[in-house]
N, C-alpha and C. Protein backbone atom coordinates (compact mmCIF):
# COMPACT_ATOMS: atom_id res chain seq x y z
N MET A 1 0.90 -132.22 88.45
CA MET A 1 1.11 -132.94 89.72
C MET A 1 1.22 -131.94 90.87
N GLN A 2 0.53 -132.24 91.94
CA GLN A 2 0.60 -131.35 93.09
C GLN A 2 1.88 -131.60 93.88
N MET A 3 2.42 -130.55 94.45
CA MET A 3 3.65 -130.67 95.25
C MET A 3 3.39 -131.55 96.47
N GLY A 4 4.42 -132.31 96.83
CA GLY A 4 4.33 -133.13 98.03
C GLY A 4 3.74 -134.50 97.79
N LEU A 5 3.30 -134.77 96.55
CA LEU A 5 2.72 -136.08 96.26
C LEU A 5 3.83 -137.11 96.10
N ASP A 6 3.62 -138.31 96.59
CA ASP A 6 4.59 -139.38 96.47
C ASP A 6 4.89 -139.65 95.01
N PHE A 7 6.16 -139.48 94.62
CA PHE A 7 6.51 -139.61 93.20
C PHE A 7 6.22 -141.01 92.66
N THR A 8 6.23 -142.02 93.52
CA THR A 8 5.99 -143.38 93.06
C THR A 8 4.56 -143.55 92.57
N LEU A 9 3.68 -142.61 92.93
CA LEU A 9 2.29 -142.73 92.51
C LEU A 9 2.00 -142.00 91.20
N VAL A 10 3.01 -141.30 90.66
CA VAL A 10 2.74 -140.47 89.49
C VAL A 10 2.13 -141.28 88.35
N GLU A 11 2.69 -142.45 88.08
CA GLU A 11 2.18 -143.27 86.98
C GLU A 11 0.75 -143.74 87.23
N GLU A 12 0.33 -143.67 88.45
CA GLU A 12 -1.01 -144.14 88.79
C GLU A 12 -2.06 -143.03 88.75
N LEU A 13 -1.61 -141.81 88.52
CA LEU A 13 -2.54 -140.68 88.62
C LEU A 13 -3.43 -140.57 87.37
N VAL A 14 -4.30 -141.55 87.23
CA VAL A 14 -5.23 -141.57 86.11
C VAL A 14 -6.64 -141.35 86.65
N ALA A 15 -7.31 -140.35 86.13
CA ALA A 15 -8.69 -140.08 86.55
C ALA A 15 -9.66 -140.79 85.60
N GLY A 16 -10.61 -141.48 86.17
CA GLY A 16 -11.71 -142.03 85.39
C GLY A 16 -12.89 -141.06 85.45
N VAL A 17 -13.55 -140.85 84.33
CA VAL A 17 -14.64 -139.87 84.26
C VAL A 17 -15.85 -140.51 83.58
N ASP A 18 -17.02 -140.32 84.18
CA ASP A 18 -18.25 -140.86 83.60
C ASP A 18 -19.41 -139.94 83.93
N GLU A 19 -20.53 -140.17 83.24
CA GLU A 19 -21.72 -139.35 83.45
C GLU A 19 -22.94 -140.25 83.62
N VAL A 20 -23.98 -139.67 84.16
CA VAL A 20 -25.29 -140.31 84.19
C VAL A 20 -26.34 -139.22 83.99
N GLY A 21 -27.38 -139.57 83.26
CA GLY A 21 -28.48 -138.62 83.11
C GLY A 21 -28.55 -137.91 81.77
N ARG A 22 -27.97 -138.49 80.72
CA ARG A 22 -28.10 -137.86 79.41
C ARG A 22 -29.49 -138.08 78.82
N GLY A 23 -30.09 -139.24 79.12
CA GLY A 23 -31.36 -139.58 78.48
C GLY A 23 -32.63 -139.09 79.15
N PRO A 24 -32.63 -138.78 80.45
CA PRO A 24 -33.87 -138.39 81.12
C PRO A 24 -34.48 -137.10 80.56
N LEU A 25 -35.77 -136.95 80.82
CA LEU A 25 -36.49 -135.75 80.40
C LEU A 25 -36.41 -134.64 81.45
N CYS A 26 -35.89 -134.97 82.62
CA CYS A 26 -35.81 -133.95 83.68
C CYS A 26 -34.58 -134.16 84.53
N GLY A 27 -34.23 -133.11 85.25
CA GLY A 27 -33.10 -133.17 86.17
C GLY A 27 -31.77 -132.92 85.49
N PRO A 28 -30.72 -132.76 86.28
CA PRO A 28 -29.39 -132.44 85.75
C PRO A 28 -28.72 -133.65 85.13
N VAL A 29 -27.67 -133.42 84.38
CA VAL A 29 -26.74 -134.48 84.03
C VAL A 29 -25.62 -134.40 85.06
N VAL A 30 -25.28 -135.55 85.64
CA VAL A 30 -24.32 -135.60 86.74
C VAL A 30 -23.09 -136.38 86.29
N THR A 31 -21.91 -135.84 86.60
CA THR A 31 -20.67 -136.49 86.23
C THR A 31 -19.81 -136.70 87.48
N ALA A 32 -18.83 -137.56 87.34
CA ALA A 32 -17.86 -137.75 88.42
C ALA A 32 -16.50 -138.05 87.84
N ALA A 33 -15.47 -137.65 88.56
CA ALA A 33 -14.09 -137.99 88.23
C ALA A 33 -13.46 -138.61 89.47
N VAL A 34 -12.74 -139.70 89.27
CA VAL A 34 -12.14 -140.43 90.40
C VAL A 34 -10.70 -140.82 90.06
N ILE A 35 -9.80 -140.56 90.99
CA ILE A 35 -8.44 -141.09 90.93
C ILE A 35 -8.32 -142.12 92.04
N LEU A 36 -8.19 -143.38 91.66
CA LEU A 36 -8.09 -144.44 92.65
C LEU A 36 -6.70 -144.50 93.26
N ASP A 37 -6.63 -145.00 94.49
CA ASP A 37 -5.37 -145.18 95.20
C ASP A 37 -4.95 -146.64 95.03
N PRO A 38 -3.84 -146.92 94.32
CA PRO A 38 -3.43 -148.31 94.10
C PRO A 38 -3.09 -149.04 95.38
N THR A 39 -2.82 -148.32 96.46
CA THR A 39 -2.50 -148.97 97.73
C THR A 39 -3.75 -149.31 98.54
N ARG A 40 -4.91 -148.85 98.06
CA ARG A 40 -6.18 -149.14 98.76
C ARG A 40 -7.20 -149.66 97.76
N PRO A 41 -7.03 -150.90 97.30
CA PRO A 41 -7.92 -151.44 96.26
C PRO A 41 -9.37 -151.55 96.73
N ILE A 42 -10.27 -151.42 95.79
CA ILE A 42 -11.71 -151.53 96.05
C ILE A 42 -12.24 -152.70 95.24
N LYS A 43 -12.78 -153.69 95.91
CA LYS A 43 -13.29 -154.88 95.22
C LYS A 43 -14.69 -154.63 94.66
N GLY A 44 -14.93 -155.24 93.50
CA GLY A 44 -16.28 -155.24 92.95
C GLY A 44 -16.65 -154.04 92.11
N LEU A 45 -15.67 -153.23 91.71
CA LEU A 45 -15.99 -152.09 90.86
C LEU A 45 -16.46 -152.59 89.50
N ASN A 46 -17.56 -152.01 89.02
CA ASN A 46 -18.11 -152.39 87.72
C ASN A 46 -19.02 -151.26 87.26
N ASP A 47 -19.44 -151.35 86.02
CA ASP A 47 -20.42 -150.42 85.47
C ASP A 47 -21.58 -150.32 86.47
N SER A 48 -21.93 -149.10 86.86
CA SER A 48 -22.95 -148.91 87.89
C SER A 48 -24.28 -149.54 87.52
N LYS A 49 -24.57 -149.62 86.21
CA LYS A 49 -25.86 -150.18 85.77
C LYS A 49 -25.91 -151.69 86.00
N LYS A 50 -24.75 -152.32 86.19
CA LYS A 50 -24.70 -153.77 86.38
C LYS A 50 -24.69 -154.17 87.85
N LEU A 51 -24.75 -153.18 88.73
CA LEU A 51 -24.71 -153.44 90.17
C LEU A 51 -26.07 -153.19 90.79
N SER A 52 -26.35 -153.90 91.88
CA SER A 52 -27.60 -153.65 92.60
C SER A 52 -27.53 -152.30 93.29
N GLU A 53 -28.68 -151.76 93.62
CA GLU A 53 -28.71 -150.47 94.31
C GLU A 53 -27.95 -150.53 95.63
N ALA A 54 -28.13 -151.62 96.37
CA ALA A 54 -27.45 -151.77 97.66
C ALA A 54 -25.93 -151.81 97.47
N ARG A 55 -25.47 -152.51 96.43
CA ARG A 55 -24.03 -152.60 96.17
C ARG A 55 -23.48 -151.24 95.76
N ARG A 56 -24.23 -150.51 94.92
CA ARG A 56 -23.79 -149.17 94.52
C ARG A 56 -23.67 -148.26 95.73
N GLU A 57 -24.64 -148.33 96.63
CA GLU A 57 -24.62 -147.48 97.82
C GLU A 57 -23.40 -147.78 98.69
N ALA A 58 -23.09 -149.06 98.85
CA ALA A 58 -21.93 -149.44 99.66
C ALA A 58 -20.63 -148.98 99.00
N LEU A 59 -20.54 -149.16 97.70
CA LEU A 59 -19.34 -148.75 96.98
C LEU A 59 -19.21 -147.23 96.94
N PHE A 60 -20.31 -146.51 96.91
CA PHE A 60 -20.29 -145.05 96.93
C PHE A 60 -19.50 -144.55 98.13
N ASP A 61 -19.78 -145.11 99.29
CA ASP A 61 -19.07 -144.70 100.51
C ASP A 61 -17.62 -145.15 100.49
N GLU A 62 -17.38 -146.38 99.99
CA GLU A 62 -16.01 -146.91 99.98
C GLU A 62 -15.12 -146.13 99.01
N ILE A 63 -15.66 -145.77 97.86
CA ILE A 63 -14.89 -145.00 96.88
C ILE A 63 -14.49 -143.65 97.45
N ARG A 64 -15.43 -142.98 98.07
CA ARG A 64 -15.14 -141.65 98.63
C ARG A 64 -14.12 -141.74 99.77
N GLU A 65 -14.13 -142.86 100.47
CA GLU A 65 -13.19 -143.03 101.58
C GLU A 65 -11.78 -143.37 101.09
N LYS A 66 -11.68 -144.23 100.06
CA LYS A 66 -10.38 -144.79 99.67
C LYS A 66 -9.71 -144.10 98.49
N ALA A 67 -10.46 -143.39 97.66
CA ALA A 67 -9.87 -142.79 96.46
C ALA A 67 -8.87 -141.70 96.83
N LEU A 68 -7.85 -141.53 95.99
CA LEU A 68 -6.91 -140.43 96.18
C LEU A 68 -7.63 -139.09 96.04
N ALA A 69 -8.54 -139.04 95.09
CA ALA A 69 -9.33 -137.82 94.87
C ALA A 69 -10.60 -138.18 94.12
N TRP A 70 -11.65 -137.43 94.38
CA TRP A 70 -12.90 -137.61 93.65
C TRP A 70 -13.66 -136.29 93.62
N CYS A 71 -14.47 -136.13 92.61
CA CYS A 71 -15.31 -134.94 92.50
C CYS A 71 -16.58 -135.29 91.73
N ILE A 72 -17.71 -134.87 92.26
CA ILE A 72 -19.00 -135.03 91.58
C ILE A 72 -19.43 -133.65 91.09
N ALA A 73 -19.78 -133.56 89.82
CA ALA A 73 -20.17 -132.29 89.23
C ALA A 73 -21.44 -132.47 88.41
N ARG A 74 -21.91 -131.38 87.78
CA ARG A 74 -23.22 -131.46 87.12
C ARG A 74 -23.37 -130.32 86.11
N ALA A 75 -24.34 -130.47 85.25
CA ALA A 75 -24.84 -129.37 84.44
C ALA A 75 -26.34 -129.31 84.68
N GLU A 76 -26.84 -128.12 84.92
CA GLU A 76 -28.24 -127.94 85.29
C GLU A 76 -29.15 -127.98 84.07
N VAL A 77 -30.45 -128.07 84.34
CA VAL A 77 -31.45 -128.16 83.27
C VAL A 77 -31.36 -126.97 82.32
N ASP A 78 -31.18 -125.77 82.86
CA ASP A 78 -31.12 -124.60 81.98
C ASP A 78 -29.88 -124.63 81.10
N GLU A 79 -28.79 -125.22 81.59
CA GLU A 79 -27.58 -125.37 80.77
C GLU A 79 -27.79 -126.42 79.68
N ILE A 80 -28.49 -127.50 80.03
CA ILE A 80 -28.81 -128.52 79.03
C ILE A 80 -29.66 -127.92 77.91
N ASP A 81 -30.66 -127.14 78.28
CA ASP A 81 -31.54 -126.53 77.28
C ASP A 81 -30.80 -125.49 76.44
N ARG A 82 -29.87 -124.80 77.04
CA ARG A 82 -29.16 -123.74 76.33
C ARG A 82 -28.04 -124.29 75.43
N LEU A 83 -27.32 -125.29 75.93
CA LEU A 83 -26.13 -125.77 75.23
C LEU A 83 -26.39 -127.00 74.36
N ASN A 84 -27.37 -127.78 74.68
CA ASN A 84 -27.74 -129.12 74.22
C ASN A 84 -27.09 -130.14 75.15
N ILE A 85 -27.61 -131.36 75.15
CA ILE A 85 -27.21 -132.34 76.17
C ILE A 85 -25.75 -132.77 76.00
N LEU A 86 -25.27 -132.86 74.77
CA LEU A 86 -23.87 -133.26 74.58
C LEU A 86 -22.92 -132.22 75.17
N HIS A 87 -23.10 -130.96 74.81
CA HIS A 87 -22.20 -129.92 75.29
C HIS A 87 -22.33 -129.72 76.81
N ALA A 88 -23.55 -129.88 77.33
CA ALA A 88 -23.73 -129.77 78.78
C ALA A 88 -23.01 -130.91 79.50
N THR A 89 -23.05 -132.10 78.92
CA THR A 89 -22.33 -133.24 79.50
C THR A 89 -20.84 -132.99 79.50
N MET A 90 -20.31 -132.49 78.41
CA MET A 90 -18.87 -132.18 78.33
C MET A 90 -18.49 -131.12 79.38
N LEU A 91 -19.36 -130.13 79.56
CA LEU A 91 -19.11 -129.09 80.56
C LEU A 91 -19.08 -129.68 81.97
N ALA A 92 -20.02 -130.58 82.25
CA ALA A 92 -20.08 -131.21 83.57
C ALA A 92 -18.86 -132.09 83.81
N MET A 93 -18.40 -132.79 82.78
CA MET A 93 -17.18 -133.60 82.91
C MET A 93 -15.97 -132.71 83.17
N GLN A 94 -15.90 -131.61 82.46
CA GLN A 94 -14.82 -130.65 82.68
C GLN A 94 -14.81 -130.16 84.12
N ARG A 95 -15.98 -129.86 84.65
CA ARG A 95 -16.09 -129.41 86.04
C ARG A 95 -15.63 -130.49 87.01
N ALA A 96 -15.95 -131.75 86.71
CA ALA A 96 -15.56 -132.84 87.60
C ALA A 96 -14.04 -132.99 87.65
N VAL A 97 -13.39 -132.95 86.50
CA VAL A 97 -11.94 -133.10 86.46
C VAL A 97 -11.26 -131.91 87.12
N GLU A 98 -11.75 -130.72 86.82
CA GLU A 98 -11.13 -129.51 87.41
C GLU A 98 -11.38 -129.41 88.91
N GLY A 99 -12.40 -130.13 89.40
CA GLY A 99 -12.71 -130.10 90.82
C GLY A 99 -11.90 -131.09 91.65
N LEU A 100 -11.09 -131.92 91.01
CA LEU A 100 -10.28 -132.89 91.75
C LEU A 100 -9.23 -132.17 92.60
N SER A 101 -8.99 -132.69 93.79
CA SER A 101 -7.99 -132.09 94.68
C SER A 101 -6.57 -132.48 94.29
N VAL A 102 -6.45 -133.49 93.43
CA VAL A 102 -5.15 -133.94 92.90
C VAL A 102 -5.23 -133.83 91.38
N THR A 103 -4.21 -133.26 90.76
CA THR A 103 -4.22 -133.11 89.31
C THR A 103 -3.80 -134.43 88.65
N PRO A 104 -4.64 -135.01 87.80
CA PRO A 104 -4.27 -136.29 87.18
C PRO A 104 -3.25 -136.10 86.05
N ARG A 105 -2.49 -137.14 85.77
CA ARG A 105 -1.60 -137.14 84.61
C ARG A 105 -2.41 -137.39 83.34
N LEU A 106 -3.51 -138.12 83.49
CA LEU A 106 -4.34 -138.51 82.34
C LEU A 106 -5.78 -138.67 82.80
N ALA A 107 -6.71 -138.27 81.96
CA ALA A 107 -8.13 -138.49 82.24
C ALA A 107 -8.69 -139.44 81.19
N LEU A 108 -9.26 -140.54 81.65
CA LEU A 108 -9.91 -141.50 80.75
C LEU A 108 -11.41 -141.27 80.83
N ILE A 109 -12.01 -140.99 79.67
CA ILE A 109 -13.41 -140.58 79.60
C ILE A 109 -14.26 -141.71 79.03
N ASP A 110 -15.31 -142.09 79.73
CA ASP A 110 -16.21 -143.12 79.21
C ASP A 110 -16.90 -142.59 77.95
N GLY A 111 -16.88 -143.37 76.88
CA GLY A 111 -17.55 -142.96 75.65
C GLY A 111 -16.59 -142.79 74.50
N ASN A 112 -17.02 -142.01 73.49
CA ASN A 112 -16.21 -141.89 72.28
C ASN A 112 -15.69 -140.48 72.03
N ARG A 113 -15.81 -139.60 73.03
CA ARG A 113 -15.26 -138.25 72.87
C ARG A 113 -14.89 -137.69 74.24
N CYS A 114 -14.04 -136.67 74.20
CA CYS A 114 -13.54 -136.08 75.44
C CYS A 114 -13.91 -134.61 75.53
N PRO A 115 -14.13 -134.12 76.74
CA PRO A 115 -14.30 -132.68 76.94
C PRO A 115 -12.95 -131.98 76.80
N LYS A 116 -12.98 -130.67 76.67
CA LYS A 116 -11.73 -129.90 76.66
C LYS A 116 -11.20 -129.82 78.08
N LEU A 117 -10.00 -130.35 78.27
CA LEU A 117 -9.40 -130.41 79.60
C LEU A 117 -8.00 -129.81 79.57
N LYS A 118 -7.51 -129.46 80.76
CA LYS A 118 -6.15 -128.93 80.89
C LYS A 118 -5.13 -130.05 81.05
N VAL A 119 -5.60 -131.29 81.11
CA VAL A 119 -4.71 -132.45 81.22
C VAL A 119 -4.97 -133.36 80.02
N PRO A 120 -4.01 -134.22 79.66
CA PRO A 120 -4.23 -135.17 78.57
C PRO A 120 -5.44 -136.05 78.85
N SER A 121 -6.16 -136.42 77.79
CA SER A 121 -7.34 -137.27 77.98
C SER A 121 -7.49 -138.22 76.81
N ALA A 122 -8.25 -139.28 77.04
CA ALA A 122 -8.51 -140.25 75.99
C ALA A 122 -9.89 -140.87 76.23
N PRO A 123 -10.67 -141.08 75.16
CA PRO A 123 -11.97 -141.73 75.33
C PRO A 123 -11.82 -143.24 75.41
N VAL A 124 -12.68 -143.88 76.17
CA VAL A 124 -12.69 -145.34 76.28
C VAL A 124 -14.13 -145.81 76.11
N VAL A 125 -14.43 -146.42 74.97
CA VAL A 125 -15.78 -146.92 74.73
C VAL A 125 -16.08 -148.06 75.71
N LYS A 126 -17.23 -147.99 76.35
CA LYS A 126 -17.62 -148.96 77.40
C LYS A 126 -16.56 -149.01 78.50
N GLY A 127 -16.00 -147.85 78.80
CA GLY A 127 -14.94 -147.78 79.80
C GLY A 127 -15.40 -148.15 81.19
N ASP A 128 -16.71 -147.95 81.48
CA ASP A 128 -17.19 -148.26 82.84
C ASP A 128 -17.15 -149.74 83.16
N SER A 129 -17.00 -150.59 82.15
CA SER A 129 -16.86 -152.03 82.42
C SER A 129 -15.43 -152.51 82.19
N GLN A 130 -14.51 -151.58 81.83
CA GLN A 130 -13.13 -151.97 81.55
C GLN A 130 -12.10 -151.29 82.44
N VAL A 131 -12.38 -150.06 82.84
CA VAL A 131 -11.42 -149.26 83.61
C VAL A 131 -11.98 -149.04 85.02
N PRO A 132 -11.32 -149.55 86.05
CA PRO A 132 -11.86 -149.42 87.42
C PRO A 132 -12.16 -147.98 87.82
N ALA A 133 -11.31 -147.03 87.45
CA ALA A 133 -11.54 -145.63 87.85
C ALA A 133 -12.79 -145.07 87.18
N ILE A 134 -13.06 -145.49 85.93
CA ILE A 134 -14.29 -145.05 85.26
C ILE A 134 -15.50 -145.71 85.92
N ALA A 135 -15.36 -146.99 86.28
CA ALA A 135 -16.45 -147.67 86.99
C ALA A 135 -16.76 -146.94 88.29
N ALA A 136 -15.72 -146.55 89.01
CA ALA A 136 -15.91 -145.82 90.27
C ALA A 136 -16.63 -144.50 90.01
N ALA A 137 -16.24 -143.81 88.94
CA ALA A 137 -16.90 -142.55 88.60
C ALA A 137 -18.37 -142.77 88.26
N SER A 138 -18.65 -143.84 87.54
CA SER A 138 -20.05 -144.12 87.17
C SER A 138 -20.90 -144.37 88.41
N ILE A 139 -20.31 -145.01 89.42
CA ILE A 139 -21.05 -145.29 90.67
C ILE A 139 -21.32 -144.00 91.43
N LEU A 140 -20.31 -143.14 91.55
CA LEU A 140 -20.52 -141.87 92.26
C LEU A 140 -21.58 -141.04 91.55
N ALA A 141 -21.51 -140.97 90.22
CA ALA A 141 -22.46 -140.15 89.48
C ALA A 141 -23.88 -140.70 89.61
N LYS A 142 -24.02 -142.01 89.46
CA LYS A 142 -25.37 -142.60 89.48
C LYS A 142 -26.02 -142.51 90.86
N VAL A 143 -25.27 -142.85 91.89
CA VAL A 143 -25.85 -142.79 93.24
C VAL A 143 -26.23 -141.36 93.59
N SER A 144 -25.36 -140.42 93.24
CA SER A 144 -25.64 -139.01 93.53
C SER A 144 -26.90 -138.54 92.81
N ARG A 145 -27.03 -138.87 91.53
CA ARG A 145 -28.20 -138.42 90.78
C ARG A 145 -29.47 -139.14 91.24
N ASP A 146 -29.37 -140.44 91.51
CA ASP A 146 -30.54 -141.19 91.97
C ASP A 146 -31.07 -140.62 93.28
N ARG A 147 -30.17 -140.27 94.18
CA ARG A 147 -30.60 -139.69 95.46
C ARG A 147 -31.33 -138.37 95.22
N GLU A 148 -30.81 -137.58 94.30
CA GLU A 148 -31.45 -136.30 94.01
C GLU A 148 -32.84 -136.51 93.40
N MET A 149 -32.97 -137.50 92.55
CA MET A 149 -34.27 -137.77 91.94
C MET A 149 -35.28 -138.25 92.99
N GLN A 150 -34.81 -138.96 94.00
CA GLN A 150 -35.69 -139.34 95.10
C GLN A 150 -36.21 -138.10 95.82
N GLU A 151 -35.34 -137.11 95.98
CA GLU A 151 -35.77 -135.86 96.62
C GLU A 151 -36.77 -135.11 95.74
N MET A 152 -36.57 -135.18 94.43
CA MET A 152 -37.49 -134.50 93.49
C MET A 152 -38.88 -135.13 93.52
N GLU A 153 -38.93 -136.43 93.86
CA GLU A 153 -40.22 -137.12 93.98
C GLU A 153 -41.11 -136.40 94.98
N ALA A 154 -40.51 -135.96 96.08
CA ALA A 154 -41.29 -135.27 97.12
C ALA A 154 -41.69 -133.87 96.67
N LEU A 155 -40.83 -133.22 95.91
CA LEU A 155 -41.14 -131.86 95.45
C LEU A 155 -42.14 -131.84 94.31
N TYR A 156 -42.11 -132.88 93.48
CA TYR A 156 -43.00 -132.94 92.32
C TYR A 156 -43.73 -134.28 92.32
N PRO A 157 -44.69 -134.46 93.24
CA PRO A 157 -45.40 -135.73 93.34
C PRO A 157 -46.27 -135.99 92.11
N GLY A 158 -46.49 -137.26 91.85
CA GLY A 158 -47.37 -137.64 90.75
C GLY A 158 -46.67 -138.04 89.48
N TYR A 159 -45.38 -137.75 89.38
CA TYR A 159 -44.63 -138.08 88.16
C TYR A 159 -43.87 -139.40 88.27
N GLY A 160 -43.73 -139.92 89.47
CA GLY A 160 -42.97 -141.16 89.67
C GLY A 160 -41.48 -141.00 89.49
N ILE A 161 -40.97 -139.79 89.72
CA ILE A 161 -39.56 -139.48 89.44
C ILE A 161 -38.62 -140.36 90.26
N GLY A 162 -38.99 -140.70 91.47
CA GLY A 162 -38.13 -141.54 92.30
C GLY A 162 -37.93 -142.92 91.72
N GLY A 163 -38.90 -143.37 90.93
CA GLY A 163 -38.80 -144.70 90.31
C GLY A 163 -38.06 -144.69 88.99
N HIS A 164 -38.51 -143.83 88.07
CA HIS A 164 -37.90 -143.85 86.73
C HIS A 164 -36.71 -142.91 86.59
N LYS A 165 -36.46 -142.08 87.62
CA LYS A 165 -35.31 -141.16 87.66
C LYS A 165 -35.31 -140.15 86.50
N GLY A 166 -36.50 -139.92 85.94
CA GLY A 166 -36.60 -138.92 84.88
C GLY A 166 -36.58 -139.49 83.48
N TYR A 167 -36.28 -140.77 83.34
CA TYR A 167 -36.23 -141.37 82.01
C TYR A 167 -37.64 -141.44 81.40
N PRO A 168 -37.74 -141.46 80.07
CA PRO A 168 -39.05 -141.38 79.41
C PRO A 168 -39.80 -142.71 79.41
N THR A 169 -40.15 -143.20 80.58
CA THR A 169 -40.94 -144.42 80.70
C THR A 169 -42.41 -144.11 80.41
N PRO A 170 -43.23 -145.13 80.13
CA PRO A 170 -44.66 -144.88 79.93
C PRO A 170 -45.31 -144.14 81.10
N VAL A 171 -44.92 -144.49 82.33
CA VAL A 171 -45.46 -143.82 83.52
C VAL A 171 -45.12 -142.34 83.50
N HIS A 172 -43.88 -142.02 83.17
CA HIS A 172 -43.44 -140.62 83.14
C HIS A 172 -44.15 -139.85 82.02
N LEU A 173 -44.22 -140.45 80.84
CA LEU A 173 -44.83 -139.76 79.71
C LEU A 173 -46.32 -139.51 79.95
N GLU A 174 -46.98 -140.47 80.59
CA GLU A 174 -48.41 -140.29 80.90
C GLU A 174 -48.60 -139.16 81.91
N ALA A 175 -47.76 -139.14 82.94
CA ALA A 175 -47.86 -138.09 83.96
C ALA A 175 -47.54 -136.73 83.36
N LEU A 176 -46.59 -136.70 82.45
CA LEU A 176 -46.20 -135.46 81.80
C LEU A 176 -47.38 -134.88 81.01
N LYS A 177 -48.08 -135.75 80.30
CA LYS A 177 -49.25 -135.29 79.53
C LYS A 177 -50.37 -134.84 80.46
N ARG A 178 -50.54 -135.54 81.57
CA ARG A 178 -51.64 -135.26 82.48
C ARG A 178 -51.37 -134.02 83.34
N LEU A 179 -50.13 -133.88 83.81
CA LEU A 179 -49.80 -132.82 84.77
C LEU A 179 -49.03 -131.66 84.17
N GLY A 180 -48.42 -131.89 83.00
CA GLY A 180 -47.61 -130.85 82.38
C GLY A 180 -46.19 -130.86 82.92
N PRO A 181 -45.27 -130.16 82.25
CA PRO A 181 -43.87 -130.12 82.67
C PRO A 181 -43.68 -129.35 83.99
N THR A 182 -42.67 -129.76 84.74
CA THR A 182 -42.29 -129.06 85.97
C THR A 182 -41.11 -128.15 85.69
N ALA A 183 -40.64 -127.47 86.71
CA ALA A 183 -39.47 -126.59 86.57
C ALA A 183 -38.20 -127.37 86.28
N ILE A 184 -38.18 -128.68 86.56
CA ILE A 184 -36.96 -129.46 86.33
C ILE A 184 -37.01 -130.24 85.02
N HIS A 185 -38.06 -130.07 84.23
CA HIS A 185 -38.10 -130.75 82.93
C HIS A 185 -37.29 -129.99 81.89
N ARG A 186 -36.66 -130.76 81.02
CA ARG A 186 -35.80 -130.19 79.98
C ARG A 186 -36.65 -129.74 78.79
N ARG A 187 -36.76 -128.45 78.63
CA ARG A 187 -37.60 -127.88 77.58
C ARG A 187 -37.14 -128.24 76.17
N SER A 188 -35.85 -128.54 76.01
CA SER A 188 -35.31 -128.83 74.68
C SER A 188 -35.53 -130.28 74.24
N PHE A 189 -35.99 -131.13 75.16
CA PHE A 189 -36.20 -132.53 74.81
C PHE A 189 -37.58 -132.70 74.16
N ALA A 190 -37.65 -133.50 73.10
CA ALA A 190 -38.83 -133.56 72.23
C ALA A 190 -40.16 -133.77 72.94
N PRO A 191 -40.30 -134.76 73.84
CA PRO A 191 -41.62 -134.94 74.47
C PRO A 191 -42.08 -133.74 75.29
N VAL A 192 -41.13 -133.07 75.94
CA VAL A 192 -41.46 -131.88 76.74
C VAL A 192 -41.77 -130.71 75.81
N ARG A 193 -40.94 -130.54 74.80
CA ARG A 193 -41.13 -129.45 73.85
C ARG A 193 -42.47 -129.57 73.13
N ALA A 194 -42.85 -130.80 72.77
CA ALA A 194 -44.13 -131.02 72.09
C ALA A 194 -45.30 -130.59 72.97
N LEU A 195 -45.22 -130.92 74.26
CA LEU A 195 -46.28 -130.51 75.18
C LEU A 195 -46.34 -129.00 75.32
N LEU A 196 -45.20 -128.37 75.37
CA LEU A 196 -45.14 -126.92 75.49
C LEU A 196 -45.71 -126.27 74.24
N ASP A 197 -45.45 -126.86 73.09
CA ASP A 197 -46.01 -126.32 71.84
C ASP A 197 -47.52 -126.42 71.82
N GLU A 198 -48.03 -127.54 72.36
CA GLU A 198 -49.49 -127.75 72.41
C GLU A 198 -50.17 -126.76 73.35
N THR A 199 -49.48 -126.41 74.41
CA THR A 199 -50.10 -125.59 75.47
C THR A 199 -49.36 -124.25 75.62
N SER A 200 -48.85 -123.73 74.52
CA SER A 200 -48.07 -122.49 74.59
C SER A 200 -48.87 -121.40 75.29
N GLY A 201 -48.17 -120.78 76.24
CA GLY A 201 -48.81 -119.71 77.00
C GLY A 201 -49.29 -120.18 78.37
N ILE A 202 -49.36 -121.51 78.57
CA ILE A 202 -49.83 -122.02 79.87
C ILE A 202 -48.65 -122.21 80.81
N PHE A 203 -47.55 -122.78 80.28
CA PHE A 203 -46.39 -123.08 81.13
C PHE A 203 -45.32 -122.03 80.91
């Protein structure tokens, strides 16, 4: 607990943690940690995948304005390839929690396992639809990553990254075969690795 914090809020200092981007063939995995302020409730928090893009965008701003603390973190493509996607995700979650400006009493992690943290933690399966702080984290992570993928669309035209956000859709897989992997593609993921094996020495 940080000095000067209202003691009545101690029991409320629970950080929700979630990630987005484990499945895509390109781009970072992005995580977020959020400690909500019980005196400033946010209506409509839910799993980011169940919300419209417009609703996620609106909540993204509201969460950052009203939360006691929040942090968006990431693991880069080279870290994903070096560590594997699970360990890179755990690293990104660790970065998100450690980046909070307020130290939580407890971190609730979406899923069935927790990263190594300096604070107590517990996994919550389907937590983004059960725990408001995890839902808030899922929204921050998804909006942040989606915006970045829109920017990647301009840097790497022809792959449709702004639409599929890097996930292995038929459009993405076809473009990957036609154009080859970019600098943001994950070399350790099977479809990308297979292409590299076929064209070893070219990329």
